[in-house]
Amino acid sequence: MRMMVRFSVPIEKGNKAFKDGSLRQTVETLMKKIKPEAAYFSSLDGTRTGMLFFDMDEPSQLVEVAEPLFLNLDAAVEFIPVMNMDDLQKGMAKAAKAKG
């Protein structure tokens, strides 16, 4: 299932992690592990925020993805199922058939 993981790092912890290199190391390690199809980084509500879009093979991957973010960065982490346009069109076609 295609998922988006959004994580936000608190300012104080993010500053420390940036300075000691653990911010970069944690994100790079996670990117290598899940091989996201897209990754975006920004600020959200004044915190360092990342959004990674990846295919989740099984629910246990939630732990593999979230724990390094929790442990290394004190990050707030959210997982959100997402679709691309092909998925949306397929779902709409199925819904239209079920409706009629």
C-alpha atoms as a PDB file:
ATOM      1  CA  MET A   1       0.000   0.000   0.000  1.00  0.00           C
ATOM      2  CA  ARG A   2       1.268   3.446  -0.871  1.00  0.00           C
ATOM      3  CA  MET A   3       1.828   5.518   2.264  1.00  0.00           C
ATOM      4  CA  MET A   4       2.979   8.955   3.211  1.00  0.00           C
ATOM      5  CA  VAL A   5       4.944   9.303   6.404  1.00  0.00           C
ATOM      6  CA  ARG A   6       5.055  12.863   7.663  1.00  0.00           C
ATOM      7  CA  PHE A   7       7.429  13.685  10.472  1.00  0.00           C
ATOM      8  CA  SER A   8       8.098  16.912  12.335  1.00  0.00           C
ATOM      9  CA  VAL A   9      11.138  17.482  14.507  1.00  0.00           C
ATOM     10  CA  PRO A  10      10.924  19.766  17.564  1.00  0.00           C
ATOM     11  CA  ILE A  11      13.109  22.877  17.270  1.00  0.00           C
ATOM     12  CA  GLU A  12      15.519  22.205  20.145  1.00  0.00           C
ATOM     13  CA  LYS A  13      16.086  18.552  19.256  1.00  0.00           C
ATOM     14  CA  GLY A  14      16.297  19.438  15.552  1.00  0.00           C
ATOM     15  CA  ASN A  15      18.975  22.053  16.206  1.00  0.00           C
ATOM     16  CA  LYS A  16      21.025  19.586  18.239  1.00  0.00           C
ATOM     17  CA  ALA A  17      20.531  16.814  15.651  1.00  0.00           C
ATOM     18  CA  PHE A  18      21.528  19.169  12.834  1.00  0.00           C
ATOM     19  CA  LYS A  19      24.712  20.180  14.632  1.00  0.00           C
ATOM     20  CA  ASP A  20      25.789  16.655  15.576  1.00  0.00           C
ATOM     21  CA  GLY A  21      24.862  15.148  12.186  1.00  0.00           C
ATOM     22  CA  SER A  22      22.202  12.760  13.473  1.00  0.00           C
ATOM     23  CA  LEU A  23      19.436  14.569  11.549  1.00  0.00           C
ATOM     24  CA  ARG A  24      21.152  13.908   8.247  1.00  0.00           C
ATOM     25  CA  GLN A  25      22.159  10.382   9.189  1.00  0.00           C
ATOM     26  CA  THR A  26      18.670   9.405  10.363  1.00  0.00           C
ATOM     27  CA  VAL A  27      16.967  10.748   7.236  1.00  0.00           C
ATOM     28  CA  GLU A  28      19.533   9.215   4.862  1.00  0.00           C
ATOM     29  CA  THR A  29      19.300   5.817   6.563  1.00  0.00           C
ATOM     30  CA  LEU A  30      15.507   5.898   6.425  1.00  0.00           C
ATOM     31  CA  MET A  31      15.545   6.902   2.751  1.00  0.00           C
ATOM     32  CA  LYS A  32      17.848   3.974   1.906  1.00  0.00           C
ATOM     33  CA  LYS A  33      15.612   1.578   3.811  1.00  0.00           C
ATOM     34  CA  ILE A  34      12.208   2.537   2.353  1.00  0.00           C
ATOM     35  CA  LYS A  35      13.331   3.893  -1.041  1.00  0.00           C
ATOM     36  CA  PRO A  36      10.555   6.502  -1.314  1.00  0.00           C
ATOM     37  CA  GLU A  37       9.141   7.355  -4.728  1.00  0.00           C
ATOM     38  CA  ALA A  38       9.109  10.993  -3.605  1.00  0.00           C
ATOM     39  CA  ALA A  39      10.500  12.920  -0.645  1.00  0.00           C
ATOM     40  CA  TYR A  40       9.792  16.520   0.320  1.00  0.00           C
ATOM     41  CA  PHE A  41      11.187  18.605   3.150  1.00  0.00           C
ATOM     42  CA  SER A  42       9.876  21.899   4.441  1.00  0.00           C
ATOM     43  CA  SER A  43       8.854  23.702   7.590  1.00  0.00           C
ATOM     44  CA  LEU A  44       5.391  23.119   9.010  1.00  0.00           C
ATOM     45  CA  ASP A  45       4.137  24.969  12.056  1.00  0.00           C
ATOM     46  CA  GLY A  46       7.678  26.200  12.586  1.00  0.00           C
ATOM     47  CA  THR A  47       9.324  22.755  12.703  1.00  0.00           C
ATOM     48  CA  ARG A  48      11.544  20.812  10.335  1.00  0.00           C
ATOM     49  CA  THR A  49       9.159  18.520   8.462  1.00  0.00           C
ATOM     50  CA  GLY A  50       9.595  15.694   5.980  1.00  0.00           C
ATOM     51  CA  MET A  51       7.063  13.855   3.824  1.00  0.00           C
ATOM     52  CA  LEU A  52       8.125  10.553   2.292  1.00  0.00           C
ATOM     53  CA  PHE A  53       5.925   8.584  -0.115  1.00  0.00           C
ATOM     54  CA  PHE A  54       6.671   4.865  -0.220  1.00  0.00           C
ATOM     55  CA  ASP A  55       5.144   1.445  -0.776  1.00  0.00           C
ATOM     56  CA  MET A  56       4.496  -0.362   2.483  1.00  0.00           C
ATOM     57  CA  ASP A  57       4.678  -4.136   2.043  1.00  0.00           C
ATOM     58  CA  GLU A  58       3.406  -5.051   5.498  1.00  0.00           C
ATOM     59  CA  PRO A  59       2.156  -3.290   8.639  1.00  0.00           C
ATOM     60  CA  SER A  60       5.313  -4.120  10.622  1.00  0.00           C
ATOM     61  CA  GLN A  61       7.134  -1.537   8.503  1.00  0.00           C
ATOM     62  CA  LEU A  62       5.379   1.135  10.564  1.00  0.00           C
ATOM     63  CA  VAL A  63       7.724   0.267  13.424  1.00  0.00           C
ATOM     64  CA  GLU A  64      10.829   0.197  11.216  1.00  0.00           C
ATOM     65  CA  VAL A  65      10.041   3.640   9.842  1.00  0.00           C
ATOM     66  CA  ALA A  66       8.762   5.368  12.967  1.00  0.00           C
ATOM     67  CA  GLU A  67      11.186   4.177  15.660  1.00  0.00           C
ATOM     68  CA  PRO A  68      14.349   5.833  14.281  1.00  0.00           C
ATOM     69  CA  LEU A  69      12.409   9.092  13.930  1.00  0.00           C
ATOM     70  CA  PHE A  70      11.066   8.812  17.483  1.00  0.00           C
ATOM     71  CA  LEU A  71      14.321   7.697  19.073  1.00  0.00           C
ATOM     72  CA  ASN A  72      16.835   9.851  17.184  1.00  0.00           C
ATOM     73  CA  LEU A  73      14.824  13.019  16.552  1.00  0.00           C
ATOM     74  CA  ASP A  74      11.912  13.072  19.045  1.00  0.00           C
ATOM     75  CA  ALA A  75       9.780  13.475  15.915  1.00  0.00           C
ATOM     76  CA  ALA A  76       6.015  13.504  15.717  1.00  0.00           C
ATOM     77  CA  VAL A  77       5.166  10.864  13.092  1.00  0.00           C
ATOM     78  CA  GLU A  78       2.010  10.295  11.047  1.00  0.00           C
ATOM     79  CA  PHE A  79       1.252   7.599   8.486  1.00  0.00           C
ATOM     80  CA  ILE A  80      -1.373   8.390   5.873  1.00  0.00           C
ATOM     81  CA  PRO A  81      -2.522   6.043   3.085  1.00  0.00           C
ATOM     82  CA  VAL A  82      -2.293   7.878  -0.243  1.00  0.00           C
ATOM     83  CA  MET A  83      -3.106   7.262  -3.914  1.00  0.00           C
ATOM     84  CA  ASN A  84      -1.658   8.384  -7.186  1.00  0.00           C
ATOM     85  CA  MET A  85      -3.894   9.244 -10.154  1.00  0.00           C
ATOM     86  CA  ASP A  86      -3.965   5.647 -11.421  1.00  0.00           C
ATOM     87  CA  ASP A  87      -5.110   4.420  -8.000  1.00  0.00           C
ATOM     88  CA  LEU A  88      -7.792   7.103  -7.835  1.00  0.00           C
ATOM     89  CA  GLN A  89      -9.144   6.290 -11.281  1.00  0.00           C
ATOM     90  CA  LYS A  90      -9.214   2.562 -10.488  1.00  0.00           C
ATOM     91  CA  GLY A  91     -11.071   3.238  -7.233  1.00  0.00           C
ATOM     92  CA  MET A  92     -13.555   5.560  -8.907  1.00  0.00           C
ATOM     93  CA  ALA A  93     -14.271   2.964 -11.608  1.00  0.00           C
ATOM     94  CA  LYS A  94     -14.927   0.310  -8.948  1.00  0.00           C
ATOM     95  CA  ALA A  95     -17.126   2.674  -6.946  1.00  0.00           C
ATOM     96  CA  ALA A  96     -19.134   3.575 -10.049  1.00  0.00           C
ATOM     97  CA  LYS A  97     -19.773  -0.121 -10.782  1.00  0.00           C
ATOM     98  CA  ALA A  98     -20.825  -0.805  -7.191  1.00  0.00           C
ATOM     99  CA  LYS A  99     -23.169   2.202  -7.250  1.00  0.00           C
ATOM    100  CA  GLY A 100     -25.162   1.000 -10.241  1.00  0.00           C
END
